[in-house]
PDB file of N, CA and C in Angstrom:
ATOM      1  N   MET A   1      -9.516  90.982-163.141  1.00  0.00           N
ATOM      2  CA  MET A   1     -10.005  91.583-161.611  1.00  0.00           C
ATOM      3  C   MET A   1     -10.640  93.117-161.905  1.00  0.00           C
ATOM      4  N   PHE A   2      -9.427  93.590-163.037  1.00  0.00           N
ATOM      5  CA  PHE A   2     -10.017  95.011-163.704  1.00  0.00           C
ATOM      6  C   PHE A   2     -11.080  95.390-163.647  1.00  0.00           C
ATOM      7  N   VAL A   3     -11.728  94.413-164.903  1.00  0.00           N
ATOM      8  CA  VAL A   3     -13.290  94.481-164.929  1.00  0.00           C
ATOM      9  C   VAL A   3     -13.559  94.211-163.573  1.00  0.00           C
ATOM     10  N   GLU A   4     -13.961  93.636-162.808  1.00  0.00           N
ATOM     11  CA  GLU A   4     -14.763  92.952-161.441  1.00  0.00           C
ATOM     12  C   GLU A   4     -14.881  94.121-160.747  1.00  0.00           C
ATOM     13  N   HIS A   5     -13.974  95.046-160.822  1.00  0.00           N
ATOM     14  CA  HIS A   5     -13.510  96.071-159.644  1.00  0.00           C
ATOM     15  C   HIS A   5     -14.368  97.298-160.441  1.00  0.00           C
ATOM     16  N   LEU A   6     -14.259  97.776-162.030  1.00  0.00           N
ATOM     17  CA  LEU A   6     -14.784  98.408-162.639  1.00  0.00           C
ATOM     18  C   LEU A   6     -16.285  98.443-162.400  1.00  0.00           C
ATOM     19  N   LEU A   7     -16.669  97.215-162.698  1.00  0.00           N
ATOM     20  CA  LEU A   7     -18.156  96.957-162.818  1.00  0.00           C
ATOM     21  C   LEU A   7     -19.093  97.422-160.977  1.00  0.00           C
ATOM     22  N   ASP A   8     -17.943  96.950-159.896  1.00  0.00           N
ATOM     23  CA  ASP A   8     -17.780  97.459-158.591  1.00  0.00           C
ATOM     24  C   ASP A   8     -18.172  98.970-158.511  1.00  0.00           C
ATOM     25  N   GLN A   9     -17.070  99.667-158.970  1.00  0.00           N
ATOM     26  CA  GLN A   9     -17.840 101.255-159.185  1.00  0.00           C
ATOM     27  C   GLN A   9     -19.026 101.482-159.741  1.00  0.00           C
ATOM     28  N   LEU A  10     -19.107 100.742-160.956  1.00  0.00           N
ATOM     29  CA  LEU A  10     -20.738 101.024-161.636  1.00  0.00           C
ATOM     30  C   LEU A  10     -21.828 100.558-160.851  1.00  0.00           C
ATOM     31  N   ALA A  11     -21.748 100.118-160.107  1.00  0.00           N
ATOM     32  CA  ALA A  11     -23.140  99.360-159.133  1.00  0.00           C
ATOM     33  C   ALA A  11     -23.828  98.765-160.239  1.00  0.00           C
ATOM     34  N   VAL A  12     -22.897  97.461-160.876  1.00  0.00           N
ATOM     35  CA  VAL A  12     -23.477  96.559-161.472  1.00  0.00           C
ATOM     36  C   VAL A  12     -23.361  95.337-160.124  1.00  0.00           C
ATOM     37  N   PRO A  13     -24.158  94.611-160.093  1.00  0.00           N
ATOM     38  CA  PRO A  13     -24.657  93.243-159.230  1.00  0.00           C
ATOM     39  C   PRO A  13     -23.550  92.582-159.031  1.00  0.00           C
ATOM     40  N   ARG A  14     -23.536  91.671-157.978  1.00  0.00           N
ATOM     41  CA  ARG A  14     -22.594  90.511-158.589  1.00  0.00           C
ATOM     42  C   ARG A  14     -22.977  89.381-158.691  1.00  0.00           C
ATOM     43  N   GLN A  15     -24.520  89.739-158.358  1.00  0.00           N
ATOM     44  CA  GLN A  15     -25.036  88.728-158.493  1.00  0.00           C
ATOM     45  C   GLN A  15     -26.776  89.319-159.216  1.00  0.00           C
ATOM     46  N   ILE A  16     -26.360  87.838-160.135  1.00  0.00           N
ATOM     47  CA  ILE A  16     -27.748  88.680-161.433  1.00  0.00           C
ATOM     48  C   ILE A  16     -28.753  87.250-161.316  1.00  0.00           C
ATOM     49  N   PRO A  17     -30.112  87.903-161.201  1.00  0.00           N
ATOM     50  CA  PRO A  17     -30.892  86.921-160.732  1.00  0.00           C
ATOM     51  C   PRO A  17     -31.015  86.326-161.733  1.00  0.00           C
ATOM     52  N   LYS A  18     -31.493  85.375-161.646  1.00  0.00           N
ATOM     53  CA  LYS A  18     -31.597  83.939-162.915  1.00  0.00           C
ATOM     54  C   LYS A  18     -30.029  83.533-163.259  1.00  0.00           C
ATOM     55  N   LYS A  19     -29.026  83.606-163.076  1.00  0.00           N
ATOM     56  CA  LYS A  19     -28.037  83.828-164.002  1.00  0.00           C
ATOM     57  C   LYS A  19     -27.383  83.416-163.055  1.00  0.00           C
ATOM     58  N   ARG A  20     -25.809  82.589-163.847  1.00  0.00           N
ATOM     59  CA  ARG A  20     -24.282  82.243-163.647  1.00  0.00           C
ATOM     60  C   ARG A  20     -24.217  83.446-161.806  1.00  0.00           C
ATOM     61  N   LYS A  21     -23.626  82.583-161.436  1.00  0.00           N
ATOM     62  CA  LYS A  21     -22.379  84.313-161.332  1.00  0.00           C
ATOM     63  C   LYS A  21     -21.022  84.081-161.437  1.00  0.00           C
ATOM     64  N   ASN A  22     -20.731  84.631-162.632  1.00  0.00           N
ATOM     65  CA  ASN A  22     -19.914  85.205-163.547  1.00  0.00           C
ATOM     66  C   ASN A  22     -19.754  86.244-163.363  1.00  0.00           C
ATOM     67  N   LEU A  23     -18.212  87.060-164.321  1.00  0.00           N
ATOM     68  CA  LEU A  23     -17.854  87.902-165.642  1.00  0.00           C
ATOM     69  C   LEU A  23     -18.740  88.493-166.925  1.00  0.00           C
ATOM     70  N   ASP A  24     -19.522  86.528-167.135  1.00  0.00           N
ATOM     71  CA  ASP A  24     -19.589  87.367-168.710  1.00  0.00           C
ATOM     72  C   ASP A  24     -21.507  88.239-168.282  1.00  0.00           C
ATOM     73  N   SER A  25     -22.177  87.196-167.217  1.00  0.00           N
ATOM     74  CA  SER A  25     -23.200  87.551-166.724  1.00  0.00           C
ATOM     75  C   SER A  25     -22.771  89.315-166.172  1.00  0.00           C
ATOM     76  N   ARG A  26     -23.022  89.248-165.277  1.00  0.00           N
ATOM     77  CA  ARG A  26     -21.974  91.095-165.270  1.00  0.00           C
ATOM     78  C   ARG A  26     -21.831  91.705-165.824  1.00  0.00           C
ATOM     79  N   ILE A  27     -21.168  91.541-167.015  1.00  0.00           N
ATOM     80  CA  ILE A  27     -21.188  92.490-168.582  1.00  0.00           C
ATOM     81  C   ILE A  27     -22.225  92.462-169.241  1.00  0.00           C
ATOM     82  N   GLU A  28     -22.971  91.633-169.480  1.00  0.00           N
ATOM     83  CA  GLU A  28     -24.232  91.961-170.014  1.00  0.00           C
ATOM     84  C   GLU A  28     -25.145  92.499-169.653  1.00  0.00           C
ATOM     85  N   LYS A  29     -25.200  92.528-168.022  1.00  0.00           N
ATOM     86  CA  LYS A  29     -26.458  92.914-167.102  1.00  0.00           C
ATOM     87  C   LYS A  29     -25.893  94.746-167.559  1.00  0.00           C
ATOM     88  N   PHE A  30     -24.712  94.095-167.397  1.00  0.00           N
ATOM     89  CA  PHE A  30     -24.052  96.457-167.347  1.00  0.00           C
ATOM     90  C   PHE A  30     -24.663  97.024-168.796  1.00  0.00           C
ATOM     91  N   GLY A  31     -24.451  95.953-169.730  1.00  0.00           N
ATOM     92  CA  GLY A  31     -24.990  96.318-171.803  1.00  0.00           C
ATOM     93  C   GLY A  31     -26.282  95.912-171.600  1.00  0.00           C
ATOM     94  N   GLU A  32     -26.809  95.939-170.373  1.00  0.00           N
ATOM     95  CA  GLU A  32     -28.388  96.238-171.220  1.00  0.00           C
ATOM     96  C   GLU A  32     -28.812  97.594-171.394  1.00  0.00           C
ATOM     97  N   ASP A  33     -27.650  98.577-170.427  1.00  0.00           N
ATOM     98  CA  ASP A  33     -28.083 100.314-170.427  1.00  0.00           C
ATOM     99  C   ASP A  33     -26.579 100.743-171.579  1.00  0.00           C
ATOM    100  N   HIS A  34     -25.461 100.200-171.621  1.00  0.00           N
ATOM    101  CA  HIS A  34     -24.631 100.826-172.069  1.00  0.00           C
ATOM    102  C   HIS A  34     -24.089  99.620-172.997  1.00  0.00           C
ATOM    103  N   PRO A  35     -24.852  99.185-174.505  1.00  0.00           N
ATOM    104  CA  PRO A  35     -24.319  98.048-174.975  1.00  0.00           C
ATOM    105  C   PRO A  35     -23.121  98.451-176.238  1.00  0.00           C
ATOM    106  N   GLU A  36     -22.837  99.724-176.340  1.00  0.00           N
ATOM    107  CA  GLU A  36     -21.646  99.900-176.871  1.00  0.00           C
ATOM    108  C   GLU A  36     -20.475 100.031-176.261  1.00  0.00           C
ATOM    109  N   HIS A  37     -20.463  99.405-175.075  1.00  0.00           N
ATOM    110  CA  HIS A  37     -18.729  98.673-174.174  1.00  0.00           C
ATOM    111  C   HIS A  37     -18.237  97.601-174.193  1.00  0.00           C
ATOM    112  N   VAL A  38     -19.504  96.862-174.595  1.00  0.00           N
ATOM    113  CA  VAL A  38     -20.277  95.690-173.989  1.00  0.00           C
ATOM    114  C   VAL A  38     -18.432  94.805-174.455  1.00  0.00           C
ATOM    115  N   GLY A  39     -18.028  95.332-175.776  1.00  0.00           N
ATOM    116  CA  GLY A  39     -17.526  93.969-176.818  1.00  0.00           C
ATOM    117  C   GLY A  39     -15.763  94.088-175.902  1.00  0.00           C
ATOM    118  N   ILE A  40     -15.493  95.835-175.531  1.00  0.00           N
ATOM    119  CA  ILE A  40     -14.736  96.338-174.814  1.00  0.00           C
ATOM    120  C   ILE A  40     -14.439  95.118-173.575  1.00  0.00           C
ATOM    121  N   LEU A  41     -15.608  95.546-172.379  1.00  0.00           N
ATOM    122  CA  LEU A  41     -15.437  94.997-170.739  1.00  0.00           C
ATOM    123  C   LEU A  41     -15.077  93.007-171.885  1.00  0.00           C
ATOM    124  N   HIS A  42     -15.745  92.426-172.777  1.00  0.00           N
ATOM    125  CA  HIS A  42     -15.484  91.251-172.758  1.00  0.00           C
ATOM    126  C   HIS A  42     -13.970  91.042-173.019  1.00  0.00           C
ATOM    127  N   ALA A  43     -13.134  91.953-174.398  1.00  0.00           N
ATOM    128  CA  ALA A  43     -11.898  91.715-174.817  1.00  0.00           C
ATOM    129  C   ALA A  43     -11.023  91.627-173.261  1.00  0.00           C
ATOM    130  N   LEU A  44     -11.316  92.153-172.918  1.00  0.00           N
ATOM    131  CA  LEU A  44      -9.976  92.658-171.034  1.00  0.00           C
ATOM    132  C   LEU A  44     -10.775  91.454-170.352  1.00  0.00           C
ATOM    133  N   ARG A  45     -11.543  91.340-170.412  1.00  0.00           N
ATOM    134  CA  ARG A  45     -11.569  89.698-170.292  1.00  0.00           C
ATOM    135  C   ARG A  45     -11.127  88.110-170.317  1.00  0.00           C
ATOM    136  N   HIS A  46     -11.080  88.427-171.920  1.00  0.00           N
ATOM    137  CA  HIS A  46     -10.188  87.239-172.020  1.00  0.00           C
ATOM    138  C   HIS A  46      -9.226  86.746-172.259  1.00  0.00           C
ATOM    139  N   VAL A  47      -8.456  88.492-172.508  1.00  0.00           N
ATOM    140  CA  VAL A  47      -7.260  88.630-172.380  1.00  0.00           C
ATOM    141  C   VAL A  47      -6.703  88.500-170.924  1.00  0.00           C
ATOM    142  N   GLY A  48      -7.623  88.881-169.997  1.00  0.00           N
ATOM    143  CA  GLY A  48      -6.890  88.104-168.547  1.00  0.00           C
ATOM    144  C   GLY A  48      -7.540  87.381-167.518  1.00  0.00           C
ATOM    145  N   ASN A  49      -8.219  86.625-168.467  1.00  0.00           N
ATOM    146  CA  ASN A  49      -8.423  84.675-168.133  1.00  0.00           C
ATOM    147  C   ASN A  49      -7.448  84.301-168.907  1.00  0.00           C
ATOM    148  N   THR A  50      -7.148  84.573-170.056  1.00  0.00           N
ATOM    149  CA  THR A  50      -5.820  83.676-170.253  1.00  0.00           C
ATOM    150  C   THR A  50      -4.676  83.926-170.090  1.00  0.00           C
ATOM    151  N   GLY A  51      -5.219  85.657-169.210  1.00  0.00           N
ATOM    152  CA  GLY A  51      -3.224  85.341-168.769  1.00  0.00           C
ATOM    153  C   GLY A  51      -2.680  84.893-167.257  1.00  0.00           C
ATOM    154  N   ALA A  52      -4.166  85.148-166.492  1.00  0.00           N
ATOM    155  CA  ALA A  52      -4.838  83.901-165.539  1.00  0.00           C
ATOM    156  C   ALA A  52      -3.828  82.599-166.212  1.00  0.00           C
ATOM    157  N   HIS A  53      -4.569  82.259-166.311  1.00  0.00           N
ATOM    158  CA  HIS A  53      -4.846  81.098-166.301  1.00  0.00           C
ATOM    159  C   HIS A  53      -4.241  79.598-167.449  1.00  0.00           C
ATOM    160  N   THR A  54      -3.426  80.780-168.514  1.00  0.00           N
ATOM    161  CA  THR A  54      -2.469  79.923-169.153  1.00  0.00           C
ATOM    162  C   THR A  54      -0.949  80.489-169.925  1.00  0.00           C
ATOM    163  N   ALA A  55      -0.796  81.776-168.981  1.00  0.00           N
ATOM    164  CA  ALA A  55      -0.135  82.918-169.071  1.00  0.00           C
ATOM    165  C   ALA A  55       0.963  82.791-170.662  1.00  0.00           C
ATOM    166  N   LYS A  56      -0.121  83.099-171.406  1.00  0.00           N
ATOM    167  CA  LYS A  56      -0.359  83.038-173.496  1.00  0.00           C
ATOM    168  C   LYS A  56      -0.445  84.323-173.522  1.00  0.00           C
ATOM    169  N   THR A  57      -0.054  85.265-172.773  1.00  0.00           N
ATOM    170  CA  THR A  57      -0.528  86.650-173.890  1.00  0.00           C
ATOM    171  C   THR A  57       0.828  87.158-173.504  1.00  0.00           C
ATOM    172  N   THR A  58       0.872  88.262-174.792  1.00  0.00           N
ATOM    173  CA  THR A  58       1.839  88.718-174.651  1.00  0.00           C
ATOM    174  C   THR A  58       1.839  90.547-174.652  1.00  0.00           C
ATOM    175  N   PHE A  59       3.806  90.793-174.387  1.00  0.00           N
ATOM    176  CA  PHE A  59       3.144  91.912-173.897  1.00  0.00           C
ATOM    177  C   PHE A  59       2.322  93.057-174.453  1.00  0.00           C
ATOM    178  N   GLU A  60       2.948  93.226-176.106  1.00  0.00           N
ATOM    179  CA  GLU A  60       1.916  93.779-176.732  1.00  0.00           C
ATOM    180  C   GLU A  60       0.197  94.090-176.313  1.00  0.00           C
ATOM    181  N   ASP A  61      -0.037  92.628-176.560  1.00  0.00           N
ATOM    182  CA  ASP A  61      -1.912  92.565-176.183  1.00  0.00           C
ATOM    183  C   ASP A  61      -1.936  93.544-174.749  1.00  0.00           C
ATOM    184  N   VAL A  62      -0.735  93.207-173.791  1.00  0.00           N
ATOM    185  CA  VAL A  62      -0.750  93.317-172.113  1.00  0.00           C
ATOM    186  C   VAL A  62      -0.789  95.035-172.628  1.00  0.00           C
ATOM    187  N   ALA A  63       0.214  95.699-173.279  1.00  0.00           N
ATOM    188  CA  ALA A  63      -0.445  97.054-173.213  1.00  0.00           C
ATOM    189  C   ALA A  63      -1.481  97.702-174.285  1.00  0.00           C
ATOM    190  N   ASP A  64      -2.134  96.702-175.100  1.00  0.00           N
ATOM    191  CA  ASP A  64      -2.682  97.261-176.352  1.00  0.00           C
ATOM    192  C   ASP A  64      -4.383  96.985-174.762  1.00  0.00           C
ATOM    193  N   CYS A  65      -4.018  96.565-173.763  1.00  0.00           N
ATOM    194  CA  CYS A  65      -5.747  96.443-172.730  1.00  0.00           C
ATOM    195  C   CYS A  65      -5.186  97.623-171.891  1.00  0.00           C
ATOM    196  N   LEU A  66      -4.001  98.097-171.343  1.00  0.00           N
ATOM    197  CA  LEU A  66      -3.651  99.045-170.826  1.00  0.00           C
ATOM    198  C   LEU A  66      -4.460 100.788-171.775  1.00  0.00           C
ATOM    199  N   VAL A  67      -4.482 100.628-172.617  1.00  0.00           N
ATOM    200  CA  VAL A  67      -4.529 101.638-174.082  1.00  0.00           C
ATOM    201  C   VAL A  67      -5.918 101.681-173.768  1.00  0.00           C
ATOM    202  N   ILE A  68      -6.938 100.412-173.648  1.00  0.00           N
ATOM    203  CA  ILE A  68      -8.447 100.473-173.400  1.00  0.00           C
ATOM    204  C   ILE A  68      -8.942 100.258-172.722  1.00  0.00           C
ATOM    205  N   VAL A  69      -8.338 100.401-171.510  1.00  0.00           N
ATOM    206  CA  VAL A  69      -8.316 100.447-169.806  1.00  0.00           C
ATOM    207  C   VAL A  69      -8.806 101.817-169.415  1.00  0.00           C
ATOM    208  N   GLU A  70      -7.236 103.015-170.399  1.00  0.00           N
ATOM    209  CA  GLU A  70      -7.234 104.099-169.841  1.00  0.00           C
ATOM    210  C   GLU A  70      -8.558 104.545-170.281  1.00  0.00           C
ATOM    211  N   ALA A  71      -8.891 104.146-171.841  1.00  0.00           N
ATOM    212  CA  ALA A  71      -9.552 105.379-171.963  1.00  0.00           C
ATOM    213  C   ALA A  71     -11.603 104.873-172.173  1.00  0.00           C
ATOM    214  N   ILE A  72     -11.773 103.700-171.082  1.00  0.00           N
ATOM    215  CA  ILE A  72     -13.406 103.325-170.855  1.00  0.00           C
ATOM    216  C   ILE A  72     -13.105 103.511-169.259  1.00  0.00           C
ATOM    217  N   VAL A  73     -12.297 103.754-168.578  1.00  0.00           N
ATOM    218  CA  VAL A  73     -12.269 105.088-167.580  1.00  0.00           C
ATOM    219  C   VAL A  73     -13.127 106.332-167.316  1.00  0.00           C
ATOM    220  N   LYS A  74     -12.191 106.343-168.348  1.00  0.00           N
ATOM    221  CA  LYS A  74     -12.453 108.060-169.245  1.00  0.00           C
ATOM    222  C   LYS A  74     -13.458 108.425-168.987  1.00  0.00           C
ATOM    223  N   VAL A  75     -14.374 107.273-169.426  1.00  0.00           N
ATOM    224  CA  VAL A  75     -15.893 107.834-170.348  1.00  0.00           C
ATOM    225  C   VAL A  75     -16.298 107.571-169.390  1.00  0.00           C
ATOM    226  N   LEU A  76     -16.390 105.964-168.291  1.00  0.00           N
ATOM    227  CA  LEU A  76     -18.093 105.293-167.380  1.00  0.00           C
ATOM    228  C   LEU A  76     -16.935 106.157-165.928  1.00  0.00           C
ATOM    229  N   ILE A  77     -15.663 106.731-165.707  1.00  0.00           N
ATOM    230  CA  ILE A  77     -15.670 106.916-164.353  1.00  0.00           C
ATOM    231  C   ILE A  77     -14.764 108.560-163.952  1.00  0.00           C
ATOM    232  N   ASP A  78     -14.505 108.686-165.540  1.00  0.00           N
ATOM    233  CA  ASP A  78     -14.359 109.930-165.327  1.00  0.00           C
ATOM    234  C   ASP A  78     -14.892 110.916-165.050  1.00  0.00           C
ATOM    235  N   ARG A  79     -15.744 111.020-165.656  1.00  0.00           N
ATOM    236  CA  ARG A  79     -17.184 111.766-166.823  1.00  0.00           C
ATOM    237  C   ARG A  79     -17.151 112.922-166.979  1.00  0.00           C
ATOM    238  N   GLU A  80     -15.802 113.318-167.777  1.00  0.00           N
ATOM    239  CA  GLU A  80     -15.631 114.723-168.452  1.00  0.00           C
ATOM    240  C   GLU A  80     -16.625 114.985-169.201  1.00  0.00           C
ATOM    241  N   MET A  81     -17.222 114.451-169.749  1.00  0.00           N
ATOM    242  CA  MET A  81     -18.745 114.628-170.164  1.00  0.00           C
ATOM    243  C   MET A  81     -19.787 115.236-169.455  1.00  0.00           C
ATOM    244  N   ASP A  82     -19.714 115.163-169.021  1.00  0.00           N
ATOM    245  CA  ASP A  82     -21.006 115.498-167.481  1.00  0.00           C
ATOM    246  C   ASP A  82     -21.180 116.813-166.650  1.00  0.00           C
ATOM    247  N   GLU A  83     -19.257 117.187-166.884  1.00  0.00           N
ATOM    248  CA  GLU A  83     -18.832 118.662-167.120  1.00  0.00           C
ATOM    249  C   GLU A  83     -19.091 119.433-167.621  1.00  0.00           C
ATOM    250  N   ILE A  84     -18.613 118.956-168.965  1.00  0.00           N
ATOM    251  CA  ILE A  84     -18.669 119.579-169.901  1.00  0.00           C
ATOM    252  C   ILE A  84     -20.225 120.202-170.322  1.00  0.00           C
ATOM    253  N   HIS A  85     -20.753 119.130-170.184  1.00  0.00           N
ATOM    254  CA  HIS A  85     -22.686 119.442-170.084  1.00  0.00           C
ATOM    255  C   HIS A  85     -23.459 120.839-169.444  1.00  0.00           C
ATOM    256  N   ALA A  86     -22.118 119.980-167.614  1.00  0.00           N
ATOM    257  CA  ALA A  86     -23.254 121.168-166.375  1.00  0.00           C
ATOM    258  C   ALA A  86     -22.503 122.337-166.899  1.00  0.00           C
ATOM    259  N   THR A  87     -21.017 122.775-167.366  1.00  0.00           N
ATOM    260  CA  THR A  87     -20.438 123.755-168.118  1.00  0.00           C
ATOM    261  C   THR A  87     -21.558 124.954-169.294  1.00  0.00           C
ATOM    262  N   ALA A  88     -21.917 124.103-170.404  1.00  0.00           N
ATOM    263  CA  ALA A  88     -22.630 124.253-170.802  1.00  0.00           C
ATOM    264  C   ALA A  88     -23.962 124.591-170.723  1.00  0.00           C
ATOM    265  N   GLN A  89     -24.759 124.491-169.492  1.00  0.00           N
ATOM    266  CA  GLN A  89     -25.937 124.660-169.131  1.00  0.00           C
ATOM    267  C   GLN A  89     -25.776 125.844-168.865  1.00  0.00           C
ATOM    268  N   ARG A  90     -24.527 125.916-167.705  1.00  0.00           N
ATOM    269  CA  ARG A  90     -24.361 127.457-166.504  1.00  0.00           C
ATOM    270  C   ARG A  90     -24.495 128.294-167.499  1.00  0.00           C
ATOM    271  N   LEU A  91     -23.750 128.105-168.823  1.00  0.00           N
ATOM    272  CA  LEU A  91     -23.488 129.320-170.109  1.00  0.00           C
ATOM    273  C   LEU A  91     -24.741 129.481-170.267  1.00  0.00           C
ATOM    274  N   THR A  92     -25.920 128.805-170.604  1.00  0.00           N
ATOM    275  CA  THR A  92     -27.140 128.588-171.672  1.00  0.00           C
ATOM    276  C   THR A  92     -27.338 129.670-170.551  1.00  0.00           C
ATOM    277  N   ALA A  93     -27.709 128.846-169.773  1.00  0.00           N
ATOM    278  CA  ALA A  93     -28.752 129.601-168.084  1.00  0.00           C
ATOM    279  C   ALA A  93     -28.095 131.410-167.603  1.00  0.00           C
ATOM    280  N   LYS A  94     -26.671 131.592-168.444  1.00  0.00           N
ATOM    281  CA  LYS A  94     -26.359 132.817-167.991  1.00  0.00           C
ATOM    282  C   LYS A  94     -26.270 133.721-169.120  1.00  0.00           C
ATOM    283  N   TYR A  95     -25.857 132.984-170.613  1.00  0.00           N
ATOM    284  CA  TYR A  95     -25.883 134.408-171.299  1.00  0.00           C
ATOM    285  C   TYR A  95     -27.112 133.999-172.070  1.00  0.00           C
ATOM    286  N   GLY A  96     -28.068 132.983-172.348  1.00  0.00           N
ATOM    287  CA  GLY A  96     -28.717 132.520-173.236  1.00  0.00           C
ATOM    288  C   GLY A  96     -30.620 133.697-173.339  1.00  0.00           C
ATOM    289  N   SER A  97     -31.053 133.425-174.222  1.00  0.00           N
ATOM    290  CA  SER A  97     -32.080 133.903-173.944  1.00  0.00           C
ATOM    291  C   SER A  97     -32.821 132.864-173.506  1.00  0.00           C
ATOM    292  N   PRO A  98     -34.543 133.185-172.616  1.00  0.00           N
ATOM    293  CA  PRO A  98     -35.165 132.929-171.764  1.00  0.00           C
ATOM    294  C   PRO A  98     -35.356 131.755-172.550  1.00  0.00           C
ATOM    295  N   LYS A  99     -35.662 131.281-174.083  1.00  0.00           N
ATOM    296  CA  LYS A  99     -36.518 130.634-175.081  1.00  0.00           C
ATOM    297  C   LYS A  99     -35.615 129.251-175.420  1.00  0.00           C
ATOM    298  N   SER A 100     -33.714 129.568-175.177  1.00  0.00           N
ATOM    299  CA  SER A 100     -33.406 128.743-175.300  1.00  0.00           C
ATOM    300  C   SER A 100     -32.299 127.621-173.713  1.00  0.00           C
ATOM    301  N   ASN A 101     -33.303 128.227-172.806  1.00  0.00           N
ATOM    302  CA  ASN A 101     -33.045 127.680-171.580  1.00  0.00           C
ATOM    303  C   ASN A 101     -34.249 126.826-171.752  1.00  0.00           C
TER     304      ASN A 101
END
């Protein structure tokens, strides 16, 4: 469910035209613009599916997923780098030469 809600926050539609309505299709759609994150989202999906349907996940694997979730949220939701880039642009505008703007 986490991956579903994350994709909702990232505005990936729940219905992908010409595709079956499933999480795999949504992850692949998201991957068109963010291919570096597809494997991460699929790993979370696989562990979630296994845990939900067979209850054969380990505490260690779930803990690993929490580490992954924290990292992916920082990258995709917190937008820390957006703030850093904005600050860098502001400083360049204030202190840089006109040619470097």
